[in-house]
Amino acid sequence: MQVEKAAIDGERKAVEADLGPVRYLSQLVGASDERVRRWFILAVALLLDPAAVVLLLAATARRTFVAVHCNEKPKCRTRRESLMCVSDG
């Protein structure tokens, strides 16, 4: 019995530790825990998804630049082009 109680208490403390920042924010804002969680998820989705898309576009543009400028010409003309050619291998 005591072993089971200790295991349950350990799980409860772990959950409380995970929810600590949410509870702090909810008290700071004056809203419920659920409402703060929903706004946090919305903020993360709105901020990080566009950043991921921009990073993908930048990587694609760089790969296209390297393919066009480094593979067709034996030497790159500018310092920037030569750095990009060398860094891609």
C-alpha atoms as a PDB file:
ATOM      1  CA  MET A   1       0.000   0.000   0.000  1.00  0.00           C
ATOM      2  CA  GLN A   2       2.705   2.461   0.934  1.00  0.00           C
ATOM      3  CA  VAL A   3       4.633   1.734  -2.243  1.00  0.00           C
ATOM      4  CA  GLU A   4       1.572   2.458  -4.373  1.00  0.00           C
ATOM      5  CA  LYS A   5       0.862   5.636  -2.404  1.00  0.00           C
ATOM      6  CA  ALA A   6       4.452   6.797  -2.879  1.00  0.00           C
ATOM      7  CA  ALA A   7       4.248   6.130  -6.620  1.00  0.00           C
ATOM      8  CA  ILE A   8       0.997   8.095  -6.907  1.00  0.00           C
ATOM      9  CA  ASP A   9       2.441  10.963  -4.852  1.00  0.00           C
ATOM     10  CA  GLY A  10       5.506  11.019  -7.104  1.00  0.00           C
ATOM     11  CA  GLU A  11       3.339  11.231 -10.223  1.00  0.00           C
ATOM     12  CA  ARG A  12       1.221  13.993  -8.673  1.00  0.00           C
ATOM     13  CA  LYS A  13       4.316  16.025  -7.803  1.00  0.00           C
ATOM     14  CA  ALA A  14       5.672  15.592 -11.325  1.00  0.00           C
ATOM     15  CA  VAL A  15       2.410  16.850 -12.821  1.00  0.00           C
ATOM     16  CA  GLU A  16       2.356  19.800 -10.425  1.00  0.00           C
ATOM     17  CA  ALA A  17       5.934  20.657 -11.379  1.00  0.00           C
ATOM     18  CA  ASP A  18       4.993  20.595 -15.072  1.00  0.00           C
ATOM     19  CA  LEU A  19       2.009  22.860 -14.480  1.00  0.00           C
ATOM     20  CA  GLY A  20       3.923  25.326 -12.300  1.00  0.00           C
ATOM     21  CA  PRO A  21       4.702  27.871 -15.044  1.00  0.00           C
ATOM     22  CA  VAL A  22       1.132  27.668 -16.350  1.00  0.00           C
ATOM     23  CA  ARG A  23      -0.269  28.345 -12.897  1.00  0.00           C
ATOM     24  CA  TYR A  24       2.138  31.242 -12.412  1.00  0.00           C
ATOM     25  CA  LEU A  25       1.075  32.791 -15.729  1.00  0.00           C
ATOM     26  CA  SER A  26      -2.602  32.251 -14.990  1.00  0.00           C
ATOM     27  CA  GLN A  27      -2.255  34.015 -11.638  1.00  0.00           C
ATOM     28  CA  LEU A  28      -0.249  36.815 -13.233  1.00  0.00           C
ATOM     29  CA  VAL A  29      -2.823  37.360 -15.977  1.00  0.00           C
ATOM     30  CA  GLY A  30      -5.832  36.530 -13.856  1.00  0.00           C
ATOM     31  CA  ALA A  31      -7.206  33.817 -16.121  1.00  0.00           C
ATOM     32  CA  SER A  32      -7.835  30.092 -15.756  1.00  0.00           C
ATOM     33  CA  ASP A  33      -5.107  27.517 -16.416  1.00  0.00           C
ATOM     34  CA  GLU A  34      -6.954  26.161 -19.440  1.00  0.00           C
ATOM     35  CA  ARG A  35      -7.331  29.602 -21.002  1.00  0.00           C
ATOM     36  CA  VAL A  36      -3.629  30.394 -20.508  1.00  0.00           C
ATOM     37  CA  ARG A  37      -2.659  27.051 -22.080  1.00  0.00           C
ATOM     38  CA  ARG A  38      -4.843  27.723 -25.113  1.00  0.00           C
ATOM     39  CA  TRP A  39      -3.387  31.221 -25.641  1.00  0.00           C
ATOM     40  CA  PHE A  40       0.156  29.886 -25.233  1.00  0.00           C
ATOM     41  CA  ILE A  41      -0.415  27.172 -27.857  1.00  0.00           C
ATOM     42  CA  LEU A  42      -1.942  29.740 -30.201  1.00  0.00           C
ATOM     43  CA  ALA A  43       1.025  32.100 -29.740  1.00  0.00           C
ATOM     44  CA  VAL A  44       3.553  29.335 -30.389  1.00  0.00           C
ATOM     45  CA  ALA A  45       1.694  28.212 -33.512  1.00  0.00           C
ATOM     46  CA  LEU A  46       1.424  31.748 -34.891  1.00  0.00           C
ATOM     47  CA  LEU A  47       5.065  32.618 -34.212  1.00  0.00           C
ATOM     48  CA  LEU A  48       6.970  29.424 -34.965  1.00  0.00           C
ATOM     49  CA  ASP A  49       5.134  28.086 -38.017  1.00  0.00           C
ATOM     50  CA  PRO A  50       5.915  31.140 -40.194  1.00  0.00           C
ATOM     51  CA  ALA A  51       9.532  31.051 -39.002  1.00  0.00           C
ATOM     52  CA  ALA A  52       9.830  27.430 -40.135  1.00  0.00           C
ATOM     53  CA  VAL A  53       8.404  28.299 -43.550  1.00  0.00           C
ATOM     54  CA  VAL A  54      10.866  31.188 -43.953  1.00  0.00           C
ATOM     55  CA  LEU A  55      13.776  28.906 -43.021  1.00  0.00           C
ATOM     56  CA  LEU A  56      12.662  26.330 -45.594  1.00  0.00           C
ATOM     57  CA  LEU A  57      12.389  29.001 -48.278  1.00  0.00           C
ATOM     58  CA  ALA A  58      15.844  30.356 -47.426  1.00  0.00           C
ATOM     59  CA  ALA A  59      17.408  26.902 -47.580  1.00  0.00           C
ATOM     60  CA  THR A  60      15.751  26.198 -50.914  1.00  0.00           C
ATOM     61  CA  ALA A  61      16.907  29.527 -52.342  1.00  0.00           C
ATOM     62  CA  ARG A  62      20.475  28.877 -51.202  1.00  0.00           C
ATOM     63  CA  ARG A  63      20.534  25.398 -52.715  1.00  0.00           C
ATOM     64  CA  THR A  64      19.205  26.808 -55.982  1.00  0.00           C
ATOM     65  CA  PHE A  65      21.830  29.560 -55.956  1.00  0.00           C
ATOM     66  CA  VAL A  66      24.637  27.079 -55.324  1.00  0.00           C
ATOM     67  CA  ALA A  67      23.362  24.702 -58.013  1.00  0.00           C
ATOM     68  CA  VAL A  68      23.151  27.453 -60.605  1.00  0.00           C
ATOM     69  CA  HIS A  69      26.297  29.431 -59.799  1.00  0.00           C
ATOM     70  CA  CYS A  70      28.722  26.793 -58.572  1.00  0.00           C
ATOM     71  CA  ASN A  71      28.047  23.792 -60.791  1.00  0.00           C
ATOM     72  CA  GLU A  72      27.935  25.568 -64.150  1.00  0.00           C
ATOM     73  CA  LYS A  73      31.025  27.741 -63.728  1.00  0.00           C
ATOM     74  CA  PRO A  74      34.446  26.446 -62.701  1.00  0.00           C
ATOM     75  CA  LYS A  75      35.215  29.556 -60.608  1.00  0.00           C
ATOM     76  CA  CYS A  76      32.890  31.925 -58.823  1.00  0.00           C
ATOM     77  CA  ARG A  77      33.271  35.608 -59.620  1.00  0.00           C
ATOM     78  CA  THR A  78      32.707  37.287 -56.254  1.00  0.00           C
ATOM     79  CA  ARG A  79      33.927  36.465 -52.782  1.00  0.00           C
ATOM     80  CA  ARG A  80      30.376  35.743 -51.611  1.00  0.00           C
ATOM     81  CA  GLU A  81      29.795  33.291 -54.446  1.00  0.00           C
ATOM     82  CA  SER A  82      33.082  31.522 -53.765  1.00  0.00           C
ATOM     83  CA  LEU A  83      32.234  31.148 -50.073  1.00  0.00           C
ATOM     84  CA  MET A  84      28.874  29.637 -50.949  1.00  0.00           C
ATOM     85  CA  CYS A  85      30.469  27.260 -53.453  1.00  0.00           C
ATOM     86  CA  VAL A  86      33.090  26.066 -50.982  1.00  0.00           C
ATOM     87  CA  SER A  87      30.678  25.675 -48.056  1.00  0.00           C
ATOM     88  CA  ASP A  88      28.388  23.312 -49.970  1.00  0.00           C
ATOM     89  CA  GLY A  89      31.206  20.923 -50.703  1.00  0.00           C
END
